[in-house]
């Protein structure tokens, strides 16, 4: 197991994640290397983390680059056989890596991506049934936890940096499927996810999330399926969000109104072929 652990480099992209990242790192075995890509100018977190953990390096980007671009920085630095992308609000169960190692043995290292099963924090994990399938082959996995077989990724950058937030991992999985790669969920490898705690949950963050969700939804569908599909998928959401924005304005529901305004603005920017420029607190 120790040799396997040394074959893994963990990549954790952080932005205002001080409240949760320590629990994430504490769940990782010290035999594995950890790269924290801090999407800010916060040198204090770099000093503290590198002082606490001898197996960890923090890269300060100086600004918020988003999930995909920051992970690409980490992936360019990986020297090990495997990379494990982990959200800062995710926590590995005790034997999560043991189950992944077993899955890799069964697959004879013939896979592109693996993912553990993800459960929300404070919910009981299911009982482990002996008859449960160890692996399920899937088309897509969630970006909270992505285990990458580095020798099977034959394109760079790994993530499309046009996405700032949302659907980057879905886009990656689509490209891997198009190249006949293989993606699996390891059913007995578990992580907990705390949910919306990696970068705060205030109004500005929520507005940014909603803006980018709409922008990314249109861009993803346009990229892979064309303009007609992208408009068909998003036009109802555009008019629905516009109506909710107007209703919120009339009835003085400020937060409700502003969030739906952000959804409208995100789609308008995508419709006019503008980049995913919006950033929280900028």
C-alpha atoms as a PDB file:
ATOM      1  CA  UNK A   1       0.000   0.000   0.000  1.00  0.00           C
ATOM      2  CA  UNK A   2       2.818   2.431   0.843  1.00  0.00           C
ATOM      3  CA  UNK A   3       4.310   2.113  -2.664  1.00  0.00           C
ATOM      4  CA  UNK A   4       0.894   2.803  -4.153  1.00  0.00           C
ATOM      5  CA  UNK A   5       0.472   5.895  -1.959  1.00  0.00           C
ATOM      6  CA  UNK A   6       3.799   7.229  -3.199  1.00  0.00           C
ATOM      7  CA  UNK A   7       2.531   6.857  -6.761  1.00  0.00           C
ATOM      8  CA  UNK A   8      -0.226   9.442  -6.114  1.00  0.00           C
ATOM      9  CA  UNK A   9      -0.049  13.232  -6.203  1.00  0.00           C
ATOM     10  CA  UNK A  10      -3.097  14.957  -4.766  1.00  0.00           C
ATOM     11  CA  UNK A  11      -4.160  18.269  -6.323  1.00  0.00           C
ATOM     12  CA  UNK A  12      -6.409  20.532  -4.258  1.00  0.00           C
ATOM     13  CA  UNK A  13      -7.591  23.814  -5.790  1.00  0.00           C
ATOM     14  CA  UNK A  14      -8.429  26.282  -3.032  1.00  0.00           C
ATOM     15  CA  UNK A  15     -10.181  29.642  -2.875  1.00  0.00           C
ATOM     16  CA  UNK A  16     -11.137  31.003   0.537  1.00  0.00           C
ATOM     17  CA  UNK A  17     -11.087  27.416   1.791  1.00  0.00           C
ATOM     18  CA  UNK A  18      -9.275  27.819   5.097  1.00  0.00           C
ATOM     19  CA  UNK A  19     -12.261  26.576   7.098  1.00  0.00           C
ATOM     20  CA  UNK A  20     -12.374  23.164   5.417  1.00  0.00           C
ATOM     21  CA  UNK A  21      -9.054  22.392   3.754  1.00  0.00           C
ATOM     22  CA  UNK A  22      -7.323  21.131   6.909  1.00  0.00           C
ATOM     23  CA  UNK A  23      -9.842  18.307   7.343  1.00  0.00           C
ATOM     24  CA  UNK A  24      -9.342  17.379   3.699  1.00  0.00           C
ATOM     25  CA  UNK A  25      -5.554  17.246   4.019  1.00  0.00           C
ATOM     26  CA  UNK A  26      -5.719  15.340   7.316  1.00  0.00           C
ATOM     27  CA  UNK A  27      -7.642  12.572   5.519  1.00  0.00           C
ATOM     28  CA  UNK A  28      -4.746  12.054   3.059  1.00  0.00           C
ATOM     29  CA  UNK A  29      -1.909   9.693   3.946  1.00  0.00           C
ATOM     30  CA  UNK A  30       1.401  11.477   4.479  1.00  0.00           C
ATOM     31  CA  UNK A  31       3.145   9.110   2.021  1.00  0.00           C
ATOM     32  CA  UNK A  32       1.420  10.893  -0.880  1.00  0.00           C
ATOM     33  CA  UNK A  33       2.516  14.248  -2.260  1.00  0.00           C
ATOM     34  CA  UNK A  34      -0.019  17.085  -2.083  1.00  0.00           C
ATOM     35  CA  UNK A  35      -0.141  20.166  -4.306  1.00  0.00           C
ATOM     36  CA  UNK A  36      -2.441  22.956  -3.163  1.00  0.00           C
ATOM     37  CA  UNK A  37      -3.178  25.501  -5.888  1.00  0.00           C
ATOM     38  CA  UNK A  38      -4.345  28.607  -4.022  1.00  0.00           C
ATOM     39  CA  UNK A  39      -6.418  30.802  -6.341  1.00  0.00           C
ATOM     40  CA  UNK A  40      -5.534  34.031  -4.553  1.00  0.00           C
ATOM     41  CA  UNK A  41      -2.605  36.034  -3.180  1.00  0.00           C
ATOM     42  CA  UNK A  42      -2.940  34.502   0.285  1.00  0.00           C
ATOM     43  CA  UNK A  43       0.658  33.803   1.285  1.00  0.00           C
ATOM     44  CA  UNK A  44      -0.381  33.228   4.899  1.00  0.00           C
ATOM     45  CA  UNK A  45      -2.150  29.982   3.998  1.00  0.00           C
ATOM     46  CA  UNK A  46       0.948  28.890   2.071  1.00  0.00           C
ATOM     47  CA  UNK A  47       3.177  29.490   5.083  1.00  0.00           C
ATOM     48  CA  UNK A  48       0.833  27.722   7.483  1.00  0.00           C
ATOM     49  CA  UNK A  49       0.113  24.678   5.323  1.00  0.00           C
ATOM     50  CA  UNK A  50       3.729  24.081   4.353  1.00  0.00           C
ATOM     51  CA  UNK A  51       4.747  24.399   8.010  1.00  0.00           C
ATOM     52  CA  UNK A  52       2.128  21.860   9.151  1.00  0.00           C
ATOM     53  CA  UNK A  53       2.554  19.245   6.390  1.00  0.00           C
ATOM     54  CA  UNK A  54       5.952  18.062   5.142  1.00  0.00           C
ATOM     55  CA  UNK A  55       4.445  16.314   2.087  1.00  0.00           C
ATOM     56  CA  UNK A  56       2.681  19.447   0.829  1.00  0.00           C
ATOM     57  CA  UNK A  57       3.516  22.323  -1.512  1.00  0.00           C
ATOM     58  CA  UNK A  58       1.355  25.410  -2.060  1.00  0.00           C
ATOM     59  CA  UNK A  59       1.376  27.290  -5.353  1.00  0.00           C
ATOM     60  CA  UNK A  60       0.013  30.830  -5.100  1.00  0.00           C
ATOM     61  CA  UNK A  61      -1.577  31.881  -8.396  1.00  0.00           C
ATOM     62  CA  UNK A  62      -2.044  35.544  -7.409  1.00  0.00           C
ATOM     63  CA  UNK A  63      -5.617  35.614  -8.701  1.00  0.00           C
ATOM     64  CA  UNK A  64      -8.675  33.412  -9.122  1.00  0.00           C
ATOM     65  CA  UNK A  65      -7.988  31.283 -12.192  1.00  0.00           C
ATOM     66  CA  UNK A  66     -10.937  28.941 -11.743  1.00  0.00           C
ATOM     67  CA  UNK A  67     -11.110  25.178 -11.284  1.00  0.00           C
ATOM     68  CA  UNK A  68      -9.847  24.007 -14.667  1.00  0.00           C
ATOM     69  CA  UNK A  69      -6.878  26.300 -15.170  1.00  0.00           C
ATOM     70  CA  UNK A  70      -5.686  25.881 -11.577  1.00  0.00           C
ATOM     71  CA  UNK A  71      -5.891  22.100 -11.854  1.00  0.00           C
ATOM     72  CA  UNK A  72      -3.925  22.276 -15.099  1.00  0.00           C
ATOM     73  CA  UNK A  73      -1.137  24.048 -13.212  1.00  0.00           C
ATOM     74  CA  UNK A  74      -1.065  21.196 -10.713  1.00  0.00           C
ATOM     75  CA  UNK A  75      -1.243  18.484 -13.362  1.00  0.00           C
ATOM     76  CA  UNK A  76       1.742  19.972 -15.202  1.00  0.00           C
ATOM     77  CA  UNK A  77       3.760  19.469 -11.995  1.00  0.00           C
ATOM     78  CA  UNK A  78       2.778  15.832 -11.418  1.00  0.00           C
ATOM     79  CA  UNK A  79       5.670  13.346 -11.659  1.00  0.00           C
ATOM     80  CA  UNK A  80       3.820  10.315 -10.244  1.00  0.00           C
ATOM     81  CA  UNK A  81       1.818   7.619 -12.068  1.00  0.00           C
ATOM     82  CA  UNK A  82      -1.478   8.963 -10.753  1.00  0.00           C
ATOM     83  CA  UNK A  83      -3.028  12.287  -9.861  1.00  0.00           C
ATOM     84  CA  UNK A  84      -5.986  12.625  -7.514  1.00  0.00           C
ATOM     85  CA  UNK A  85      -7.960  15.868  -7.869  1.00  0.00           C
ATOM     86  CA  UNK A  86      -9.825  16.534  -4.654  1.00  0.00           C
ATOM     87  CA  UNK A  87     -12.029  19.449  -3.624  1.00  0.00           C
ATOM     88  CA  UNK A  88     -10.963  21.136  -0.373  1.00  0.00           C
ATOM     89  CA  UNK A  89     -14.374  20.341   1.151  1.00  0.00           C
ATOM     90  CA  UNK A  90     -14.008  16.601   0.458  1.00  0.00           C
ATOM     91  CA  UNK A  91     -12.751  14.097   3.021  1.00  0.00           C
ATOM     92  CA  UNK A  92     -11.477  10.609   2.204  1.00  0.00           C
ATOM     93  CA  UNK A  93     -12.927   7.687   4.138  1.00  0.00           C
ATOM     94  CA  UNK A  94     -10.285   5.603   5.897  1.00  0.00           C
ATOM     95  CA  UNK A  95      -9.952   2.868   3.283  1.00  0.00           C
ATOM     96  CA  UNK A  96     -10.887   4.884   0.189  1.00  0.00           C
ATOM     97  CA  UNK A  97      -7.446   4.501  -1.366  1.00  0.00           C
ATOM     98  CA  UNK A  98      -7.231   0.808  -0.500  1.00  0.00           C
ATOM     99  CA  UNK A  99     -10.393   0.217  -2.527  1.00  0.00           C
ATOM    100  CA  UNK A 100      -9.043   2.281  -5.418  1.00  0.00           C
ATOM    101  CA  UNK A 101      -5.828   0.232  -5.375  1.00  0.00           C
ATOM    102  CA  UNK A 102      -7.903  -2.960  -5.533  1.00  0.00           C
ATOM    103  CA  UNK A 103      -9.891  -1.545  -8.464  1.00  0.00           C
ATOM    104  CA  UNK A 104      -6.697  -0.670 -10.328  1.00  0.00           C
ATOM    105  CA  UNK A 105      -5.421  -4.223  -9.801  1.00  0.00           C
ATOM    106  CA  UNK A 106      -8.648  -5.649 -11.213  1.00  0.00           C
ATOM    107  CA  UNK A 107      -8.472  -3.300 -14.196  1.00  0.00           C
ATOM    108  CA  UNK A 108      -4.765  -4.083 -14.711  1.00  0.00           C
ATOM    109  CA  UNK A 109      -4.153  -0.340 -14.813  1.00  0.00           C
ATOM    110  CA  UNK A 110      -6.289  -0.037 -17.945  1.00  0.00           C
ATOM    111  CA  UNK A 111      -8.401   3.010 -17.119  1.00  0.00           C
ATOM    112  CA  UNK A 112      -8.326   6.762 -17.665  1.00  0.00           C
ATOM    113  CA  UNK A 113     -10.357   8.116 -14.735  1.00  0.00           C
ATOM    114  CA  UNK A 114     -11.704   6.673 -11.503  1.00  0.00           C
ATOM    115  CA  UNK A 115     -13.991   8.219  -8.935  1.00  0.00           C
ATOM    116  CA  UNK A 116     -14.978   7.130  -5.443  1.00  0.00           C
ATOM    117  CA  UNK A 117     -18.603   7.197  -4.385  1.00  0.00           C
ATOM    118  CA  UNK A 118     -19.447  10.638  -3.004  1.00  0.00           C
ATOM    119  CA  UNK A 119     -21.731  11.185  -0.018  1.00  0.00           C
ATOM    120  CA  UNK A 120     -22.822  14.394   1.633  1.00  0.00           C
ATOM    121  CA  UNK A 121     -21.343  15.127   5.043  1.00  0.00           C
ATOM    122  CA  UNK A 122     -23.348  14.093   8.154  1.00  0.00           C
ATOM    123  CA  UNK A 123     -25.166  11.337   6.274  1.00  0.00           C
ATOM    124  CA  UNK A 124     -24.505   7.705   7.114  1.00  0.00           C
ATOM    125  CA  UNK A 125     -22.511   5.697   4.621  1.00  0.00           C
ATOM    126  CA  UNK A 126     -24.364   2.669   3.230  1.00  0.00           C
ATOM    127  CA  UNK A 127     -23.676  -0.792   4.531  1.00  0.00           C
ATOM    128  CA  UNK A 128     -21.096  -2.545   2.410  1.00  0.00           C
ATOM    129  CA  UNK A 129     -22.636  -5.572   0.778  1.00  0.00           C
ATOM    130  CA  UNK A 130     -20.298  -8.369  -0.287  1.00  0.00           C
ATOM    131  CA  UNK A 131     -22.247  -8.881  -3.491  1.00  0.00           C
ATOM    132  CA  UNK A 132     -21.964  -5.213  -4.535  1.00  0.00           C
ATOM    133  CA  UNK A 133     -20.088  -4.605  -7.769  1.00  0.00           C
ATOM    134  CA  UNK A 134     -16.623  -3.242  -7.120  1.00  0.00           C
ATOM    135  CA  UNK A 135     -16.657  -1.161 -10.302  1.00  0.00           C
ATOM    136  CA  UNK A 136     -19.204   0.490 -12.566  1.00  0.00           C
ATOM    137  CA  UNK A 137     -18.186   1.807 -15.955  1.00  0.00           C
ATOM    138  CA  UNK A 138     -19.741   5.250 -16.480  1.00  0.00           C
ATOM    139  CA  UNK A 139     -19.738   8.105 -18.964  1.00  0.00           C
ATOM    140  CA  UNK A 140     -19.224  10.929 -16.453  1.00  0.00           C
ATOM    141  CA  UNK A 141     -17.978  11.516 -12.931  1.00  0.00           C
ATOM    142  CA  UNK A 142     -18.264  14.506 -10.586  1.00  0.00           C
ATOM    143  CA  UNK A 143     -15.342  16.917 -10.170  1.00  0.00           C
ATOM    144  CA  UNK A 144     -15.202  16.661  -6.358  1.00  0.00           C
ATOM    145  CA  UNK A 145     -12.842  13.688  -6.652  1.00  0.00           C
ATOM    146  CA  UNK A 146     -11.127  12.542  -9.868  1.00  0.00           C
ATOM    147  CA  UNK A 147      -8.388   9.892  -9.861  1.00  0.00           C
ATOM    148  CA  UNK A 148      -6.343  10.175 -13.070  1.00  0.00           C
ATOM    149  CA  UNK A 149      -4.111   7.603 -14.755  1.00  0.00           C
ATOM    150  CA  UNK A 150      -1.560  10.064 -16.092  1.00  0.00           C
ATOM    151  CA  UNK A 151      -0.204   7.823 -18.854  1.00  0.00           C
ATOM    152  CA  UNK A 152      -3.698   7.561 -20.357  1.00  0.00           C
ATOM    153  CA  UNK A 153      -4.207  11.316 -20.729  1.00  0.00           C
ATOM    154  CA  UNK A 154      -2.717  12.141 -24.108  1.00  0.00           C
ATOM    155  CA  UNK A 155      -3.884  15.725 -24.546  1.00  0.00           C
ATOM    156  CA  UNK A 156      -2.882  19.006 -22.933  1.00  0.00           C
ATOM    157  CA  UNK A 157      -4.148  21.058 -21.270  1.00  0.00           C
ATOM    158  CA  UNK A 158      -6.194  18.408 -19.481  1.00  0.00           C
ATOM    159  CA  UNK A 159      -9.075  20.781 -18.676  1.00  0.00           C
ATOM    160  CA  UNK A 160     -10.552  23.257 -21.147  1.00  0.00           C
ATOM    161  CA  UNK A 161      -9.622  26.618 -19.630  1.00  0.00           C
ATOM    162  CA  UNK A 162     -12.539  28.389 -21.299  1.00  0.00           C
ATOM    163  CA  UNK A 163     -14.610  27.103 -18.374  1.00  0.00           C
ATOM    164  CA  UNK A 164     -14.111  29.052 -15.163  1.00  0.00           C
ATOM    165  CA  UNK A 165     -16.620  27.149 -13.054  1.00  0.00           C
ATOM    166  CA  UNK A 166     -18.967  24.190 -13.725  1.00  0.00           C
ATOM    167  CA  UNK A 167     -18.932  21.431 -16.354  1.00  0.00           C
ATOM    168  CA  UNK A 168     -15.134  21.341 -16.726  1.00  0.00           C
ATOM    169  CA  UNK A 169     -15.099  17.719 -15.569  1.00  0.00           C
ATOM    170  CA  UNK A 170     -18.104  16.867 -17.757  1.00  0.00           C
ATOM    171  CA  UNK A 171     -16.249  18.316 -20.733  1.00  0.00           C
ATOM    172  CA  UNK A 172     -13.144  16.296 -19.804  1.00  0.00           C
ATOM    173  CA  UNK A 173     -15.164  13.085 -19.554  1.00  0.00           C
ATOM    174  CA  UNK A 174     -16.836  13.783 -22.916  1.00  0.00           C
ATOM    175  CA  UNK A 175     -13.455  14.192 -24.597  1.00  0.00           C
ATOM    176  CA  UNK A 176     -12.144  11.009 -22.963  1.00  0.00           C
ATOM    177  CA  UNK A 177     -15.206   9.071 -24.131  1.00  0.00           C
ATOM    178  CA  UNK A 178     -14.766  10.433 -27.648  1.00  0.00           C
ATOM    179  CA  UNK A 179     -11.210   9.006 -27.597  1.00  0.00           C
ATOM    180  CA  UNK A 180     -12.467   5.624 -26.321  1.00  0.00           C
ATOM    181  CA  UNK A 181     -11.002   6.105 -22.864  1.00  0.00           C
ATOM    182  CA  UNK A 182     -12.515   4.390 -19.842  1.00  0.00           C
ATOM    183  CA  UNK A 183     -14.100   5.925 -16.721  1.00  0.00           C
ATOM    184  CA  UNK A 184     -15.181   4.008 -13.626  1.00  0.00           C
ATOM    185  CA  UNK A 185     -16.790   4.580 -10.242  1.00  0.00           C
ATOM    186  CA  UNK A 186     -15.230   2.523  -7.432  1.00  0.00           C
ATOM    187  CA  UNK A 187     -18.319   1.562  -5.446  1.00  0.00           C
ATOM    188  CA  UNK A 188     -16.613   0.710  -2.149  1.00  0.00           C
ATOM    189  CA  UNK A 189     -14.304   3.717  -2.099  1.00  0.00           C
ATOM    190  CA  UNK A 190     -16.059   6.550  -0.281  1.00  0.00           C
ATOM    191  CA  UNK A 191     -15.541  10.249   0.310  1.00  0.00           C
ATOM    192  CA  UNK A 192     -17.600  12.748   2.255  1.00  0.00           C
ATOM    193  CA  UNK A 193     -18.442  16.096   0.670  1.00  0.00           C
ATOM    194  CA  UNK A 194     -19.377  19.097   2.802  1.00  0.00           C
ATOM    195  CA  UNK A 195     -21.000  21.037  -0.032  1.00  0.00           C
ATOM    196  CA  UNK A 196     -20.624  24.759  -0.883  1.00  0.00           C
ATOM    197  CA  UNK A 197     -18.073  25.217   1.884  1.00  0.00           C
ATOM    198  CA  UNK A 198     -14.881  25.347  -0.172  1.00  0.00           C
ATOM    199  CA  UNK A 199     -15.354  28.992  -1.150  1.00  0.00           C
ATOM    200  CA  UNK A 200     -18.062  30.352   1.108  1.00  0.00           C
ATOM    201  CA  UNK A 201     -21.779  30.705   0.559  1.00  0.00           C
ATOM    202  CA  UNK A 202     -22.551  34.441   0.583  1.00  0.00           C
ATOM    203  CA  UNK A 203     -24.598  36.353  -1.979  1.00  0.00           C
ATOM    204  CA  UNK A 204     -21.652  37.366  -4.153  1.00  0.00           C
ATOM    205  CA  UNK A 205     -20.438  33.769  -4.388  1.00  0.00           C
ATOM    206  CA  UNK A 206     -23.954  32.562  -5.188  1.00  0.00           C
ATOM    207  CA  UNK A 207     -24.352  35.178  -7.915  1.00  0.00           C
ATOM    208  CA  UNK A 208     -21.035  34.140  -9.419  1.00  0.00           C
ATOM    209  CA  UNK A 209     -21.977  30.454  -9.299  1.00  0.00           C
ATOM    210  CA  UNK A 210     -25.289  31.100 -11.044  1.00  0.00           C
ATOM    211  CA  UNK A 211     -23.666  33.309 -13.691  1.00  0.00           C
ATOM    212  CA  UNK A 212     -21.117  30.634 -14.535  1.00  0.00           C
ATOM    213  CA  UNK A 213     -23.563  27.752 -14.400  1.00  0.00           C
ATOM    214  CA  UNK A 214     -25.586  29.363 -17.196  1.00  0.00           C
ATOM    215  CA  UNK A 215     -22.519  30.416 -19.198  1.00  0.00           C
ATOM    216  CA  UNK A 216     -20.954  26.958 -18.941  1.00  0.00           C
ATOM    217  CA  UNK A 217     -24.200  25.170 -19.812  1.00  0.00           C
ATOM    218  CA  UNK A 218     -24.475  27.049 -23.094  1.00  0.00           C
ATOM    219  CA  UNK A 219     -20.762  26.790 -23.906  1.00  0.00           C
ATOM    220  CA  UNK A 220     -20.593  23.045 -23.211  1.00  0.00           C
ATOM    221  CA  UNK A 221     -23.563  22.261 -25.446  1.00  0.00           C
ATOM    222  CA  UNK A 222     -22.366  24.587 -28.185  1.00  0.00           C
ATOM    223  CA  UNK A 223     -18.885  23.025 -28.118  1.00  0.00           C
ATOM    224  CA  UNK A 224     -20.043  19.431 -28.334  1.00  0.00           C
ATOM    225  CA  UNK A 225     -23.469  19.532 -30.003  1.00  0.00           C
ATOM    226  CA  UNK A 226     -23.723  22.837 -31.861  1.00  0.00           C
ATOM    227  CA  UNK A 227     -25.587  26.140 -31.563  1.00  0.00           C
ATOM    228  CA  UNK A 228     -29.100  24.788 -32.078  1.00  0.00           C
ATOM    229  CA  UNK A 229     -28.820  22.334 -29.203  1.00  0.00           C
ATOM    230  CA  UNK A 230     -27.215  24.959 -26.969  1.00  0.00           C
ATOM    231  CA  UNK A 231     -30.080  27.397 -27.554  1.00  0.00           C
ATOM    232  CA  UNK A 232     -32.698  24.676 -27.132  1.00  0.00           C
ATOM    233  CA  UNK A 233     -31.205  23.652 -23.782  1.00  0.00           C
ATOM    234  CA  UNK A 234     -30.931  27.192 -22.411  1.00  0.00           C
ATOM    235  CA  UNK A 235     -33.674  29.427 -23.850  1.00  0.00           C
ATOM    236  CA  UNK A 236     -36.336  28.245 -21.407  1.00  0.00           C
ATOM    237  CA  UNK A 237     -33.892  28.834 -18.537  1.00  0.00           C
ATOM    238  CA  UNK A 238     -33.179  32.315 -19.901  1.00  0.00           C
ATOM    239  CA  UNK A 239     -36.830  33.415 -19.972  1.00  0.00           C
ATOM    240  CA  UNK A 240     -37.606  31.669 -16.672  1.00  0.00           C
ATOM    241  CA  UNK A 241     -34.709  33.467 -14.949  1.00  0.00           C
ATOM    242  CA  UNK A 242     -35.720  36.773 -16.547  1.00  0.00           C
ATOM    243  CA  UNK A 243     -39.282  36.366 -15.229  1.00  0.00           C
ATOM    244  CA  UNK A 244     -38.007  35.483 -11.743  1.00  0.00           C
ATOM    245  CA  UNK A 245     -35.736  38.524 -11.794  1.00  0.00           C
ATOM    246  CA  UNK A 246     -38.693  40.787 -12.613  1.00  0.00           C
ATOM    247  CA  UNK A 247     -40.938  39.178  -9.977  1.00  0.00           C
ATOM    248  CA  UNK A 248     -38.187  39.502  -7.372  1.00  0.00           C
ATOM    249  CA  UNK A 249     -37.722  43.173  -8.256  1.00  0.00           C
ATOM    250  CA  UNK A 250     -41.454  43.899  -8.013  1.00  0.00           C
ATOM    251  CA  UNK A 251     -41.854  42.194  -4.638  1.00  0.00           C
ATOM    252  CA  UNK A 252     -38.570  43.516  -3.196  1.00  0.00           C
ATOM    253  CA  UNK A 253     -36.919  40.090  -2.925  1.00  0.00           C
ATOM    254  CA  UNK A 254     -33.431  41.459  -3.410  1.00  0.00           C
ATOM    255  CA  UNK A 255     -31.336  38.289  -3.187  1.00  0.00           C
ATOM    256  CA  UNK A 256     -33.769  36.257  -5.287  1.00  0.00           C
ATOM    257  CA  UNK A 257     -33.818  38.987  -7.895  1.00  0.00           C
ATOM    258  CA  UNK A 258     -30.031  39.441  -8.024  1.00  0.00           C
ATOM    259  CA  UNK A 259     -29.318  35.713  -8.361  1.00  0.00           C
ATOM    260  CA  UNK A 260     -31.726  35.411 -11.290  1.00  0.00           C
ATOM    261  CA  UNK A 261     -30.283  38.564 -12.826  1.00  0.00           C
ATOM    262  CA  UNK A 262     -26.879  36.859 -12.721  1.00  0.00           C
ATOM    263  CA  UNK A 263     -28.311  33.817 -14.497  1.00  0.00           C
ATOM    264  CA  UNK A 264     -29.683  36.040 -17.252  1.00  0.00           C
ATOM    265  CA  UNK A 265     -26.383  37.897 -17.571  1.00  0.00           C
ATOM    266  CA  UNK A 266     -24.400  34.665 -17.748  1.00  0.00           C
ATOM    267  CA  UNK A 267     -26.486  33.405 -20.643  1.00  0.00           C
ATOM    268  CA  UNK A 268     -26.410  36.740 -22.462  1.00  0.00           C
ATOM    269  CA  UNK A 269     -22.618  36.726 -22.299  1.00  0.00           C
ATOM    270  CA  UNK A 270     -22.557  33.181 -23.675  1.00  0.00           C
ATOM    271  CA  UNK A 271     -25.048  34.057 -26.430  1.00  0.00           C
ATOM    272  CA  UNK A 272     -22.824  36.951 -27.530  1.00  0.00           C
ATOM    273  CA  UNK A 273     -19.743  34.710 -27.503  1.00  0.00           C
ATOM    274  CA  UNK A 274     -18.057  36.508 -24.605  1.00  0.00           C
ATOM    275  CA  UNK A 275     -15.597  34.694 -22.363  1.00  0.00           C
ATOM    276  CA  UNK A 276     -16.429  33.497 -18.842  1.00  0.00           C
ATOM    277  CA  UNK A 277     -14.997  36.699 -17.404  1.00  0.00           C
ATOM    278  CA  UNK A 278     -16.968  37.142 -14.172  1.00  0.00           C
ATOM    279  CA  UNK A 279     -15.051  36.639 -10.910  1.00  0.00           C
ATOM    280  CA  UNK A 280     -16.252  36.880  -7.308  1.00  0.00           C
ATOM    281  CA  UNK A 281     -15.260  40.089  -5.508  1.00  0.00           C
ATOM    282  CA  UNK A 282     -13.693  41.627  -8.616  1.00  0.00           C
END
